[in-house]
Protein backbone atom coordinates (compact mmCIF):
# COMPACT_ATOMS: atom_id res chain seq x y z
CA UNK A 1 -9.62 -22.18 -7.87
CA UNK A 2 -10.93 -23.91 -11.02
CA UNK A 3 -10.30 -22.63 -14.52
CA UNK A 4 -12.33 -22.99 -17.68
CA UNK A 5 -11.09 -25.29 -20.41
CA UNK A 6 -9.01 -23.88 -23.26
CA UNK A 7 -5.28 -23.48 -23.05
CA UNK A 8 -4.96 -23.98 -19.31
CA UNK A 9 -1.37 -22.77 -19.26
CA UNK A 10 -2.44 -19.48 -20.87
CA UNK A 11 -5.21 -19.07 -18.32
CA UNK A 12 -2.79 -19.71 -15.47
CA UNK A 13 -0.34 -17.22 -16.98
CA UNK A 14 -3.10 -14.61 -17.30
CA UNK A 15 -4.19 -15.14 -13.72
CA UNK A 16 -0.63 -14.92 -12.38
CA UNK A 17 -0.06 -11.77 -14.42
CA UNK A 18 -3.24 -10.29 -12.95
CA UNK A 19 -2.09 -11.20 -9.43
CA UNK A 20 1.24 -9.49 -10.04
CA UNK A 21 -0.47 -6.39 -11.39
CA UNK A 22 -2.90 -6.10 -8.47
CA UNK A 23 -0.13 -6.55 -5.90
CA UNK A 24 -0.93 -10.08 -4.69
CA UNK A 25 2.65 -10.87 -5.70
CA UNK A 26 5.03 -7.92 -5.52
CA UNK A 27 8.47 -7.26 -7.01
CA UNK A 28 11.04 -9.69 -5.53
CA UNK A 29 8.31 -11.96 -4.11
CA UNK A 30 8.85 -15.67 -4.57
CA UNK A 31 5.96 -17.52 -6.21
CA UNK A 32 4.45 -20.58 -4.51
CA UNK A 33 6.03 -23.91 -5.40
CA UNK A 34 4.81 -25.94 -8.38
CA UNK A 35 2.73 -28.30 -6.18
CA UNK A 36 1.14 -25.30 -4.46
CA UNK A 37 0.31 -23.66 -7.80
CA UNK A 38 -1.06 -26.98 -9.09
CA UNK A 39 -3.37 -27.12 -6.09
CA UNK A 40 -4.31 -23.45 -6.42
CA UNK A 41 -5.28 -23.65 -10.09
CA UNK A 42 -6.27 -27.31 -10.25
CA UNK A 43 -4.08 -28.00 -13.30
CA UNK A 44 -1.17 -30.27 -14.17
CA UNK A 45 2.51 -29.64 -13.53
CA UNK A 46 3.08 -29.13 -17.26
CA UNK A 47 0.45 -26.36 -17.38
CA UNK A 48 2.11 -24.61 -14.45
CA UNK A 49 5.57 -24.90 -16.00
CA UNK A 50 4.35 -23.61 -19.37
CA UNK A 51 2.58 -20.68 -17.70
CA UNK A 52 5.64 -19.72 -15.68
CA UNK A 53 7.94 -20.08 -18.68
CA UNK A 54 5.73 -17.77 -20.75
CA UNK A 55 5.96 -15.09 -18.03
CA UNK A 56 9.71 -15.62 -17.73
CA UNK A 57 10.05 -15.05 -21.47
CA UNK A 58 8.19 -11.71 -21.35
CA UNK A 59 10.29 -10.58 -18.38
CA UNK A 60 7.76 -10.59 -15.54
CA UNK A 61 9.29 -13.56 -13.74
CA UNK A 62 12.79 -14.94 -13.23
CA UNK A 63 13.52 -18.55 -12.32
CA UNK A 64 16.54 -19.34 -10.15
CA UNK A 65 17.72 -22.94 -10.32
CA UNK A 66 17.10 -24.73 -7.03
CA UNK A 67 15.67 -21.62 -5.37
CA UNK A 68 12.38 -20.74 -7.04
CA UNK A 69 10.65 -18.26 -9.30
CA UNK A 70 10.56 -14.55 -8.46
CA UNK A 71 8.62 -11.52 -9.65
CA UNK A 72 10.95 -9.04 -11.36
CA UNK A 73 8.49 -6.65 -13.03
CA UNK A 74 4.92 -5.54 -12.37
CA UNK A 75 3.64 -5.39 -15.94
CA UNK A 76 4.70 -5.90 -19.55
CA UNK A 77 4.85 -2.17 -20.24
CA UNK A 78 7.55 -1.84 -17.61
CA UNK A 79 9.58 -4.64 -19.21
CA UNK A 80 9.25 -3.16 -22.69
CA UNK A 81 10.16 0.30 -21.44
CA UNK A 82 13.26 -0.89 -19.61
CA UNK A 83 14.38 -2.92 -22.63
CA UNK A 84 14.02 0.17 -24.82
CA UNK A 85 16.02 2.27 -22.37
CA UNK A 86 18.92 -0.19 -22.51
CA UNK A 87 19.42 0.63 -26.19
CA UNK A 88 19.76 4.40 -25.86
CA UNK A 89 22.96 6.46 -25.66
CA UNK A 90 24.30 7.86 -22.38
CA UNK A 91 23.82 11.40 -23.68
CA UNK A 92 20.16 10.64 -24.39
CA UNK A 93 19.67 9.35 -20.86
CA UNK A 94 21.16 12.53 -19.44
CA UNK A 95 18.99 14.73 -21.66
CA UNK A 96 15.76 12.96 -20.70
CA UNK A 97 16.72 12.74 -17.05
CA UNK A 98 17.54 16.45 -16.95
CA UNK A 99 14.18 17.35 -18.52
CA UNK A 100 12.16 15.00 -16.32
CA UNK A 101 13.95 15.80 -13.05
CA UNK A 102 13.65 19.54 -13.67
CA UNK A 103 9.94 19.29 -14.49
CA UNK A 104 9.33 17.20 -11.36
CA UNK A 105 11.22 19.65 -9.16
CA UNK A 106 9.26 22.64 -10.44
CA UNK A 107 6.00 20.75 -9.90
CA UNK A 108 7.10 19.69 -6.39
CA UNK A 109 7.92 23.28 -5.49
CA UNK A 110 4.46 24.29 -6.64
CA UNK A 111 2.46 21.44 -5.08
CA UNK A 112 4.40 20.10 -2.08
CA UNK A 113 3.00 20.30 1.44
CA UNK A 114 4.88 20.76 4.70
CA UNK A 115 4.49 17.02 5.27
CA UNK A 116 6.09 16.32 1.88
CA UNK A 117 9.06 18.53 2.76
CA UNK A 118 9.54 16.68 6.05
CA UNK A 119 9.49 13.32 4.27
CA UNK A 120 11.99 14.50 1.65
CA UNK A 121 14.31 15.72 4.41
CA UNK A 122 14.11 12.40 6.27
CA UNK A 123 14.92 10.44 3.12
CA UNK A 124 17.79 12.80 2.33
CA UNK A 125 19.29 12.40 5.80
CA UNK A 126 19.07 8.63 5.45
CA UNK A 127 20.77 8.91 2.07
CA UNK A 128 23.64 11.04 3.34
CA UNK A 129 24.22 8.89 6.43
CA UNK A 130 25.07 5.79 4.41
CA UNK A 131 28.57 4.52 3.70
CA UNK A 132 30.11 4.39 0.26
CA UNK A 133 28.61 1.17 -1.10
CA UNK A 134 27.42 1.91 -4.68
CA UNK A 135 24.29 -0.25 -4.40
CA UNK A 136 23.13 1.26 -1.11
CA UNK A 137 23.98 4.80 -2.19
CA UNK A 138 22.20 4.40 -5.50
CA UNK A 139 19.01 3.05 -3.92
CA UNK A 140 19.02 5.80 -1.30
CA UNK A 141 19.63 8.40 -3.99
CA UNK A 142 16.64 7.22 -6.02
CA UNK A 143 14.49 7.13 -2.87
CA UNK A 144 15.27 10.83 -2.41
CA UNK A 145 14.31 11.71 -5.98
CA UNK A 146 11.23 9.50 -5.71
CA UNK A 147 10.16 11.43 -2.60
CA UNK A 148 10.38 14.63 -4.63
CA UNK A 149 8.30 13.06 -7.41
CA UNK A 150 5.65 12.02 -4.89
CA UNK A 151 5.54 15.63 -3.68
CA UNK A 152 4.19 16.68 -7.09
CA UNK A 153 0.90 14.90 -6.27
CA UNK A 154 0.60 14.01 -9.96
CA UNK A 155 -0.15 10.28 -10.09
CA UNK A 156 0.76 9.89 -13.77
CA UNK A 157 4.05 11.71 -13.30
CA UNK A 158 4.84 9.59 -10.26
CA UNK A 159 4.17 6.35 -12.17
CA UNK A 160 6.27 7.54 -15.09
CA UNK A 161 9.16 8.37 -12.79
CA UNK A 162 8.93 4.94 -11.15
CA UNK A 163 9.55 3.35 -14.54
CA UNK A 164 12.52 5.47 -15.58
CA UNK A 165 14.02 5.62 -12.09
CA UNK A 166 14.85 1.92 -12.25
CA UNK A 167 17.03 2.56 -15.27
CA UNK A 168 18.45 5.79 -13.84
CA UNK A 169 19.45 3.74 -10.80
CA UNK A 170 21.74 1.53 -12.89
CA UNK A 171 23.12 4.58 -14.68
CA UNK A 172 23.86 6.44 -11.43
CA UNK A 173 25.56 3.41 -9.84
CA UNK A 174 28.34 3.59 -12.40
CA UNK A 175 29.07 7.17 -11.36
CA UNK A 176 29.25 6.64 -7.59
CA UNK A 177 32.89 5.72 -7.13
CA UNK A 178 35.14 8.00 -5.09
CA UNK A 179 34.42 9.35 -1.62
CA UNK A 180 35.23 12.91 -2.69
CA UNK A 181 32.67 12.59 -5.46
CA UNK A 182 30.09 11.41 -2.93
CA UNK A 183 30.77 14.44 -0.74
CA UNK A 184 30.13 16.79 -3.66
CA UNK A 185 26.92 14.93 -4.51
CA UNK A 186 25.80 15.11 -0.87
CA UNK A 187 26.27 18.88 -0.84
CA UNK A 188 24.38 19.32 -4.10
CA UNK A 189 21.49 17.22 -2.81
CA UNK A 190 21.26 19.44 0.25
CA UNK A 191 21.27 22.47 -2.03
CA UNK A 192 18.44 20.89 -4.01
CA UNK A 193 16.44 20.14 -0.89
CA UNK A 194 16.89 23.65 0.49
CA UNK A 195 15.83 25.14 -2.83
CA UNK A 196 12.65 23.03 -2.89
CA UNK A 197 11.93 23.85 0.74
CA UNK A 198 12.36 27.58 0.09
CA UNK A 199 10.53 27.37 -3.26
CA UNK A 200 13.54 28.71 -5.14
CA UNK A 201 13.00 27.37 -8.67
CA UNK A 202 16.20 28.70 -10.25
CA UNK A 203 18.41 27.41 -7.45
CA UNK A 204 16.69 24.02 -7.66
CA UNK A 205 17.21 23.84 -11.43
CA UNK A 206 20.88 24.68 -11.03
CA UNK A 207 21.35 22.03 -8.33
CA UNK A 208 19.72 19.22 -10.30
CA UNK A 209 21.66 20.19 -13.43
CA UNK A 210 24.96 19.92 -11.52
CA UNK A 211 23.93 16.61 -9.96
CA UNK A 212 23.21 15.07 -13.35
CA UNK A 213 26.49 16.34 -14.82
CA UNK A 214 28.60 14.59 -12.18
């Protein structure tokens, strides 16, 4: 894979960024080793290191000493968005989450198919069958809400939710502490699912509002 002259490291960085964006390298994937990348792009070790460092600096890659370099974001917009979210107040997060979750739920009620409902139920059962580990519970919780977003069949809305969900995941993790709290959340999630299944908009809005308040 030969590259044209002119800032080889920049060309390598651009190509790697393109490969991340098109899914050749996915989130959490480990990049090939330096020698492998040198062979792939037909450039020097310095060019490879400069290219990787530039992508580390913008937040697409993360290097782990003695282990390798991993993909941590799909595109720059995602990095910029997540960095912006880290600066906002908790109350602002709750306000935006409430608005977005409610809009998604109403859209899912309107556009979901029987197959969507089945998938949401499966994800919810998986969520509620987990133990009390914050990390596992948080990921399962976001998988449930992501399944609802997918049921809207609005590709732009789904992509938007994917971005913010990663931040919501960190926010939710801090709230999942006590077992009794988990039991209340489990019940509310079942209420939300039943409301979506039965196309009860008001009940669904009430359930998501209570979930966010916890």
